Amino acid sequence: MLCEAVTQLKIELNATQHWQLLRYLDTLLFWNKTYNLTAITQPTEALVKHLIDCLAILPTLAKLDAINNNDGQQHKLATTDMLDIGAGAGLPSVVVAICQPNRVCTPLDSNQKKIRFIRQVSVELGLANVKPVASRIEQFSGQFGLITSRAFASLQDFIELATPYLVDDGQLLAMKGKAPTEEELKLLAETWQIEVLPITVPYLSDSRHLVRLARQVHC
């Protein structure tokens, strides 16, 4: 099922990465029996709604990297580091770190148990590019070229919390179910360049969208 999803998404993964993804999911479900890391407990459902759902953003990340590489080395470095706000059990940050080992991913969450899980599973999987932080975003410091979130119901809340940590030419990526309303987008259009991308998640019929935001450049 994972192999077919990877094929449909046109993602290139080696055997080690396949193993790491499945091992991550197995470990998540094992820890979940004690630590309540996710409401999804059925393995096939977790595979689709957690693992494959996060894999579906990788083609977009690859396109952003290709654009930034053409813009020069400075931009390439700016987008390498990724902050995942409200990372929970590491979705999407751990999945991205497995599939893009050159990208340093910082999962940020105030829940100590979830960050402890991410630390442990990262060690077990040999993910040196995962740098978990147990903190509220308001008490955190750092600058990132890419900031993601899968946890926020409100796009505006995500933007307000993420903006202080975004480099000038960085990008915000919000994983959403339904697309933002026209009213939401109008309120943001003066400050942000916005692209709403429908995402097809293999084996999932629910609506999925990726909202990409970059600061407007005013001359």
C-alpha atoms as a PDB file:
ATOM      1  CA  MET A   1       0.000   0.000   0.000  1.00  0.00           C
ATOM      2  CA  LEU A   2       2.830   2.400   0.860  1.00  0.00           C
ATOM      3  CA  CYS A   3       4.754   1.401  -2.272  1.00  0.00           C
ATOM      4  CA  GLU A   4       1.722   2.096  -4.461  1.00  0.00           C
ATOM      5  CA  ALA A   5       1.141   5.476  -2.804  1.00  0.00           C
ATOM      6  CA  VAL A   6       4.776   6.456  -3.342  1.00  0.00           C
ATOM      7  CA  THR A   7       4.466   5.460  -6.998  1.00  0.00           C
ATOM      8  CA  GLN A   8       1.270   7.489  -7.441  1.00  0.00           C
ATOM      9  CA  LEU A   9       2.885  10.535  -5.842  1.00  0.00           C
ATOM     10  CA  LYS A  10       5.997  10.101  -8.040  1.00  0.00           C
ATOM     11  CA  ILE A  11       8.323  10.156  -5.037  1.00  0.00           C
ATOM     12  CA  GLU A  12      11.707   8.451  -5.216  1.00  0.00           C
ATOM     13  CA  LEU A  13      12.518   6.556  -2.016  1.00  0.00           C
ATOM     14  CA  ASN A  14      15.079   3.867  -1.366  1.00  0.00           C
ATOM     15  CA  ALA A  15      14.568   0.674   0.624  1.00  0.00           C
ATOM     16  CA  THR A  16      15.932   2.237   3.810  1.00  0.00           C
ATOM     17  CA  GLN A  17      13.479   5.129   3.599  1.00  0.00           C
ATOM     18  CA  HIS A  18      10.561   2.738   3.066  1.00  0.00           C
ATOM     19  CA  TRP A  19      11.661   0.830   6.154  1.00  0.00           C
ATOM     20  CA  GLN A  20      12.073   4.035   8.174  1.00  0.00           C
ATOM     21  CA  LEU A  21       8.562   5.225   7.295  1.00  0.00           C
ATOM     22  CA  LEU A  22       6.935   1.950   8.291  1.00  0.00           C
ATOM     23  CA  ARG A  23       9.070   1.643  11.413  1.00  0.00           C
ATOM     24  CA  TYR A  24       8.117   5.190  12.402  1.00  0.00           C
ATOM     25  CA  LEU A  25       4.433   4.325  12.052  1.00  0.00           C
ATOM     26  CA  ASP A  26       4.798   1.057  13.982  1.00  0.00           C
ATOM     27  CA  THR A  27       6.618   2.859  16.790  1.00  0.00           C
ATOM     28  CA  LEU A  28       4.006   5.618  16.877  1.00  0.00           C
ATOM     29  CA  LEU A  29       1.174   3.124  17.279  1.00  0.00           C
ATOM     30  CA  PHE A  30       3.119   1.191  19.929  1.00  0.00           C
ATOM     31  CA  TRP A  31       3.813   4.303  21.999  1.00  0.00           C
ATOM     32  CA  ASN A  32       0.235   5.433  21.471  1.00  0.00           C
ATOM     33  CA  LYS A  33      -1.025   2.560  23.623  1.00  0.00           C
ATOM     34  CA  THR A  34       0.540   4.284  26.620  1.00  0.00           C
ATOM     35  CA  TYR A  35       0.990   7.956  25.752  1.00  0.00           C
ATOM     36  CA  ASN A  36      -2.062   8.910  23.659  1.00  0.00           C
ATOM     37  CA  LEU A  37      -0.117  10.458  20.776  1.00  0.00           C
ATOM     38  CA  THR A  38      -2.880  10.138  18.168  1.00  0.00           C
ATOM     39  CA  ALA A  39      -6.610   9.456  18.066  1.00  0.00           C
ATOM     40  CA  ILE A  40      -6.073   7.089  15.132  1.00  0.00           C
ATOM     41  CA  THR A  41      -5.235   3.602  16.386  1.00  0.00           C
ATOM     42  CA  GLN A  42      -6.011   1.333  13.405  1.00  0.00           C
ATOM     43  CA  PRO A  43      -2.818   0.640  11.382  1.00  0.00           C
ATOM     44  CA  THR A  44      -4.276   0.985   7.876  1.00  0.00           C
ATOM     45  CA  GLU A  45      -6.110   4.180   8.786  1.00  0.00           C
ATOM     46  CA  ALA A  46      -2.949   5.585  10.352  1.00  0.00           C
ATOM     47  CA  LEU A  47      -0.946   4.658   7.263  1.00  0.00           C
ATOM     48  CA  VAL A  48      -3.306   6.642   5.039  1.00  0.00           C
ATOM     49  CA  LYS A  49      -4.310   9.561   7.264  1.00  0.00           C
ATOM     50  CA  HIS A  50      -0.895  10.136   8.797  1.00  0.00           C
ATOM     51  CA  LEU A  51       1.907   8.734   6.669  1.00  0.00           C
ATOM     52  CA  ILE A  52       0.537   8.990   3.126  1.00  0.00           C
ATOM     53  CA  ASP A  53      -1.213  12.278   3.918  1.00  0.00           C
ATOM     54  CA  CYS A  54       2.161  13.798   4.824  1.00  0.00           C
ATOM     55  CA  LEU A  55       3.941  12.182   1.882  1.00  0.00           C
ATOM     56  CA  ALA A  56       1.508  14.005  -0.411  1.00  0.00           C
ATOM     57  CA  ILE A  57       3.189  17.364   0.282  1.00  0.00           C
ATOM     58  CA  LEU A  58       6.617  16.154  -0.890  1.00  0.00           C
ATOM     59  CA  PRO A  59       6.117  16.906  -4.603  1.00  0.00           C
ATOM     60  CA  THR A  60       5.337  20.525  -3.670  1.00  0.00           C
ATOM     61  CA  LEU A  61       8.421  20.742  -1.454  1.00  0.00           C
ATOM     62  CA  ALA A  62      10.534  19.387  -4.303  1.00  0.00           C
ATOM     63  CA  LYS A  63       9.172  22.078  -6.654  1.00  0.00           C
ATOM     64  CA  LEU A  64       9.948  24.823  -4.135  1.00  0.00           C
ATOM     65  CA  ASP A  65      13.487  23.507  -3.743  1.00  0.00           C
ATOM     66  CA  ALA A  66      13.971  23.465  -7.518  1.00  0.00           C
ATOM     67  CA  ILE A  67      12.818  27.090  -7.783  1.00  0.00           C
ATOM     68  CA  ASN A  68      15.051  28.206  -4.927  1.00  0.00           C
ATOM     69  CA  ASN A  69      18.071  26.374  -6.335  1.00  0.00           C
ATOM     70  CA  ASN A  70      17.675  28.375  -9.540  1.00  0.00           C
ATOM     71  CA  ASP A  71      17.606  31.597  -7.508  1.00  0.00           C
ATOM     72  CA  GLY A  72      21.024  31.027  -5.985  1.00  0.00           C
ATOM     73  CA  GLN A  73      22.806  29.464  -3.041  1.00  0.00           C
ATOM     74  CA  GLN A  74      21.528  31.971  -0.466  1.00  0.00           C
ATOM     75  CA  HIS A  75      17.911  31.051  -1.180  1.00  0.00           C
ATOM     76  CA  LYS A  76      18.777  27.361  -1.225  1.00  0.00           C
ATOM     77  CA  LEU A  77      20.186  27.586   2.300  1.00  0.00           C
ATOM     78  CA  ALA A  78      17.264  29.681   3.505  1.00  0.00           C
ATOM     79  CA  THR A  79      14.740  27.012   2.585  1.00  0.00           C
ATOM     80  CA  THR A  80      16.712  24.012   3.820  1.00  0.00           C
ATOM     81  CA  ASP A  81      15.761  24.357   7.484  1.00  0.00           C
ATOM     82  CA  MET A  82      12.120  23.601   8.299  1.00  0.00           C
ATOM     83  CA  LEU A  83      10.141  24.429  11.431  1.00  0.00           C
ATOM     84  CA  ASP A  84       7.019  22.346  12.078  1.00  0.00           C
ATOM     85  CA  ILE A  85       4.748  24.215  14.519  1.00  0.00           C
ATOM     86  CA  GLY A  86       2.457  22.053  16.607  1.00  0.00           C
ATOM     87  CA  ALA A  87       4.261  18.984  15.311  1.00  0.00           C
ATOM     88  CA  GLY A  88       2.437  16.524  17.540  1.00  0.00           C
ATOM     89  CA  ALA A  89       4.055  13.134  17.012  1.00  0.00           C
ATOM     90  CA  GLY A  90       6.167  14.455  14.118  1.00  0.00           C
ATOM     91  CA  LEU A  91       3.693  14.919  11.296  1.00  0.00           C
ATOM     92  CA  PRO A  92       4.816  16.084   8.791  1.00  0.00           C
ATOM     93  CA  SER A  93       8.322  16.878  10.080  1.00  0.00           C
ATOM     94  CA  VAL A  94       9.588  13.336  10.716  1.00  0.00           C
ATOM     95  CA  VAL A  95       8.120  12.101   7.429  1.00  0.00           C
ATOM     96  CA  VAL A  96       9.809  14.966   5.564  1.00  0.00           C
ATOM     97  CA  ALA A  97      13.099  14.307   7.369  1.00  0.00           C
ATOM     98  CA  ILE A  98      13.033  10.653   6.310  1.00  0.00           C
ATOM     99  CA  CYS A  99      12.310  11.459   2.685  1.00  0.00           C
ATOM    100  CA  GLN A 100      14.549  14.542   2.411  1.00  0.00           C
ATOM    101  CA  PRO A 101      17.649  13.755   4.506  1.00  0.00           C
ATOM    102  CA  ASN A 102      19.392  16.980   3.460  1.00  0.00           C
ATOM    103  CA  ARG A 103      16.675  19.092   5.093  1.00  0.00           C
ATOM    104  CA  VAL A 104      17.023  19.862   8.799  1.00  0.00           C
ATOM    105  CA  CYS A 105      13.582  19.590  10.406  1.00  0.00           C
ATOM    106  CA  THR A 106      12.640  21.098  13.772  1.00  0.00           C
ATOM    107  CA  PRO A 107       9.428  19.630  15.208  1.00  0.00           C
ATOM    108  CA  LEU A 108       8.103  22.077  17.821  1.00  0.00           C
ATOM    109  CA  ASP A 109       5.412  21.153  20.332  1.00  0.00           C
ATOM    110  CA  SER A 110       4.646  22.067  23.930  1.00  0.00           C
ATOM    111  CA  ASN A 111       3.639  18.470  24.723  1.00  0.00           C
ATOM    112  CA  GLN A 112       6.649  16.872  26.394  1.00  0.00           C
ATOM    113  CA  LYS A 113       5.463  13.314  25.738  1.00  0.00           C
ATOM    114  CA  LYS A 114       5.177  13.902  22.010  1.00  0.00           C
ATOM    115  CA  ILE A 115       8.617  15.473  21.778  1.00  0.00           C
ATOM    116  CA  ARG A 116      10.064  12.628  23.847  1.00  0.00           C
ATOM    117  CA  PHE A 117       8.591  10.210  21.318  1.00  0.00           C
ATOM    118  CA  ILE A 118      10.077  12.139  18.395  1.00  0.00           C
ATOM    119  CA  ARG A 119      13.500  12.164  20.048  1.00  0.00           C
ATOM    120  CA  GLN A 120      13.396   8.430  20.675  1.00  0.00           C
ATOM    121  CA  VAL A 121      12.132   7.407  17.252  1.00  0.00           C
ATOM    122  CA  SER A 122      14.640   9.740  15.563  1.00  0.00           C
ATOM    123  CA  VAL A 123      17.483   8.007  17.399  1.00  0.00           C
ATOM    124  CA  GLU A 124      16.125   4.567  16.507  1.00  0.00           C
ATOM    125  CA  LEU A 125      15.828   5.515  12.833  1.00  0.00           C
ATOM    126  CA  GLY A 126      19.152   7.355  12.653  1.00  0.00           C
ATOM    127  CA  LEU A 127      17.563  10.703  11.756  1.00  0.00           C
ATOM    128  CA  ALA A 128      20.318  13.181  12.580  1.00  0.00           C
ATOM    129  CA  ASN A 129      18.405  15.896  10.683  1.00  0.00           C
ATOM    130  CA  VAL A 130      15.518  15.932  13.199  1.00  0.00           C
ATOM    131  CA  LYS A 131      15.943  18.526  15.983  1.00  0.00           C
ATOM    132  CA  PRO A 132      12.889  18.257  18.294  1.00  0.00           C
ATOM    133  CA  VAL A 133      12.026  21.133  20.638  1.00  0.00           C
ATOM    134  CA  ALA A 134       9.601  20.978  23.558  1.00  0.00           C
ATOM    135  CA  SER A 135       8.335  24.554  23.841  1.00  0.00           C
ATOM    136  CA  ARG A 136       5.475  26.893  23.165  1.00  0.00           C
ATOM    137  CA  ILE A 137       6.067  28.830  19.965  1.00  0.00           C
ATOM    138  CA  GLU A 138       5.940  32.140  21.862  1.00  0.00           C
ATOM    139  CA  GLN A 139       8.954  31.069  23.952  1.00  0.00           C
ATOM    140  CA  PHE A 140      10.983  29.796  20.996  1.00  0.00           C
ATOM    141  CA  SER A 141      13.674  31.606  19.000  1.00  0.00           C
ATOM    142  CA  GLY A 142      15.073  30.947  15.550  1.00  0.00           C
ATOM    143  CA  GLN A 143      14.717  31.804  11.857  1.00  0.00           C
ATOM    144  CA  PHE A 144      13.595  29.382   9.171  1.00  0.00           C
ATOM    145  CA  GLY A 145      13.127  29.402   5.424  1.00  0.00           C
ATOM    146  CA  LEU A 146      10.199  26.980   5.581  1.00  0.00           C
ATOM    147  CA  ILE A 147       7.542  26.751   8.291  1.00  0.00           C
ATOM    148  CA  THR A 148       4.834  24.105   8.169  1.00  0.00           C
ATOM    149  CA  SER A 149       1.784  23.219  10.191  1.00  0.00           C
ATOM    150  CA  ARG A 150      -0.802  20.490  10.109  1.00  0.00           C
ATOM    151  CA  ALA A 151      -2.374  21.372  13.451  1.00  0.00           C
ATOM    152  CA  PHE A 152      -4.017  24.778  13.095  1.00  0.00           C
ATOM    153  CA  ALA A 153      -7.733  25.115  12.392  1.00  0.00           C
ATOM    154  CA  SER A 154      -7.243  28.842  11.727  1.00  0.00           C
ATOM    155  CA  LEU A 155      -4.936  29.923   8.913  1.00  0.00           C
ATOM    156  CA  GLN A 156      -4.717  33.385  10.476  1.00  0.00           C
ATOM    157  CA  ASP A 157      -3.553  31.948  13.806  1.00  0.00           C
ATOM    158  CA  PHE A 158      -0.825  29.963  12.071  1.00  0.00           C
ATOM    159  CA  ILE A 159       0.403  33.014  10.170  1.00  0.00           C
ATOM    160  CA  GLU A 160       0.478  35.228  13.254  1.00  0.00           C
ATOM    161  CA  LEU A 161       2.466  32.688  15.252  1.00  0.00           C
ATOM    162  CA  ALA A 162       4.821  31.683  12.434  1.00  0.00           C
ATOM    163  CA  THR A 163       5.702  35.062  10.906  1.00  0.00           C
ATOM    164  CA  PRO A 164       8.278  36.160  13.535  1.00  0.00           C
ATOM    165  CA  TYR A 165      10.316  33.024  12.768  1.00  0.00           C
ATOM    166  CA  LEU A 166      10.232  33.289   8.960  1.00  0.00           C
ATOM    167  CA  VAL A 167      13.173  34.687   6.995  1.00  0.00           C
ATOM    168  CA  ASP A 168      12.277  37.509   4.622  1.00  0.00           C
ATOM    169  CA  ASP A 169      12.144  35.301   1.528  1.00  0.00           C
ATOM    170  CA  GLY A 170      10.818  32.226   3.323  1.00  0.00           C
ATOM    171  CA  GLN A 171       7.600  30.299   2.815  1.00  0.00           C
ATOM    172  CA  LEU A 172       4.740  29.165   5.013  1.00  0.00           C
ATOM    173  CA  LEU A 173       3.002  25.881   4.176  1.00  0.00           C
ATOM    174  CA  ALA A 174      -0.291  25.081   5.886  1.00  0.00           C
ATOM    175  CA  MET A 175      -1.782  21.625   5.464  1.00  0.00           C
ATOM    176  CA  LYS A 176      -5.556  21.991   5.410  1.00  0.00           C
ATOM    177  CA  GLY A 177      -8.606  19.895   4.765  1.00  0.00           C
ATOM    178  CA  LYS A 178     -10.984  22.341   3.127  1.00  0.00           C
ATOM    179  CA  ALA A 179      -9.601  25.256   1.137  1.00  0.00           C
ATOM    180  CA  PRO A 180      -9.665  28.670   2.848  1.00  0.00           C
ATOM    181  CA  THR A 181     -12.674  30.832   2.054  1.00  0.00           C
ATOM    182  CA  GLU A 182     -12.456  33.819  -0.289  1.00  0.00           C
ATOM    183  CA  GLU A 183     -12.985  36.077   2.707  1.00  0.00           C
ATOM    184  CA  GLU A 184      -9.974  34.571   4.498  1.00  0.00           C
ATOM    185  CA  LEU A 185      -7.788  34.962   1.428  1.00  0.00           C
ATOM    186  CA  LYS A 186      -8.847  38.583   0.817  1.00  0.00           C
ATOM    187  CA  LEU A 187      -7.804  39.542   4.335  1.00  0.00           C
ATOM    188  CA  LEU A 188      -4.340  38.112   3.708  1.00  0.00           C
ATOM    189  CA  ALA A 189      -3.783  39.201   0.100  1.00  0.00           C
ATOM    190  CA  GLU A 190      -2.306  42.619   0.894  1.00  0.00           C
ATOM    191  CA  THR A 191       0.506  41.129   2.956  1.00  0.00           C
ATOM    192  CA  TRP A 192       0.968  37.680   1.431  1.00  0.00           C
ATOM    193  CA  GLN A 193       1.327  36.014  -1.939  1.00  0.00           C
ATOM    194  CA  ILE A 194      -1.005  33.040  -1.619  1.00  0.00           C
ATOM    195  CA  GLU A 195      -1.311  29.817  -3.572  1.00  0.00           C
ATOM    196  CA  VAL A 196      -3.938  27.222  -2.661  1.00  0.00           C
ATOM    197  CA  LEU A 197      -2.992  23.811  -4.029  1.00  0.00           C
ATOM    198  CA  PRO A 198      -5.429  20.885  -4.085  1.00  0.00           C
ATOM    199  CA  ILE A 199      -3.602  17.768  -2.883  1.00  0.00           C
ATOM    200  CA  THR A 200      -4.516  14.255  -3.951  1.00  0.00           C
ATOM    201  CA  VAL A 201      -3.794  11.742  -1.202  1.00  0.00           C
ATOM    202  CA  PRO A 202      -3.802   8.117  -2.406  1.00  0.00           C
ATOM    203  CA  TYR A 203      -6.491   5.986  -0.721  1.00  0.00           C
ATOM    204  CA  LEU A 204      -8.103   9.057   0.860  1.00  0.00           C
ATOM    205  CA  SER A 205     -11.335  10.558  -0.428  1.00  0.00           C
ATOM    206  CA  ASP A 206     -11.357  13.500   2.000  1.00  0.00           C
ATOM    207  CA  SER A 207     -10.513  16.967   0.732  1.00  0.00           C
ATOM    208  CA  ARG A 208      -6.903  18.085   1.198  1.00  0.00           C
ATOM    209  CA  HIS A 209      -5.222  21.391   0.350  1.00  0.00           C
ATOM    210  CA  LEU A 210      -1.801  22.914   0.806  1.00  0.00           C
ATOM    211  CA  VAL A 211      -1.722  26.684   1.325  1.00  0.00           C
ATOM    212  CA  ARG A 212       1.576  28.285   0.346  1.00  0.00           C
ATOM    213  CA  LEU A 213       2.294  31.808   1.540  1.00  0.00           C
ATOM    214  CA  ALA A 214       5.209  34.152   0.857  1.00  0.00           C
ATOM    215  CA  ARG A 215       5.519  37.792   1.873  1.00  0.00           C
ATOM    216  CA  GLN A 216       4.397  40.361  -0.674  1.00  0.00           C
ATOM    217  CA  VAL A 217       7.267  42.452  -1.995  1.00  0.00           C
ATOM    218  CA  HIS A 218       6.231  46.113  -2.168  1.00  0.00           C
ATOM    219  CA  CYS A 219       8.396  48.369  -4.280  1.00  0.00           C
END
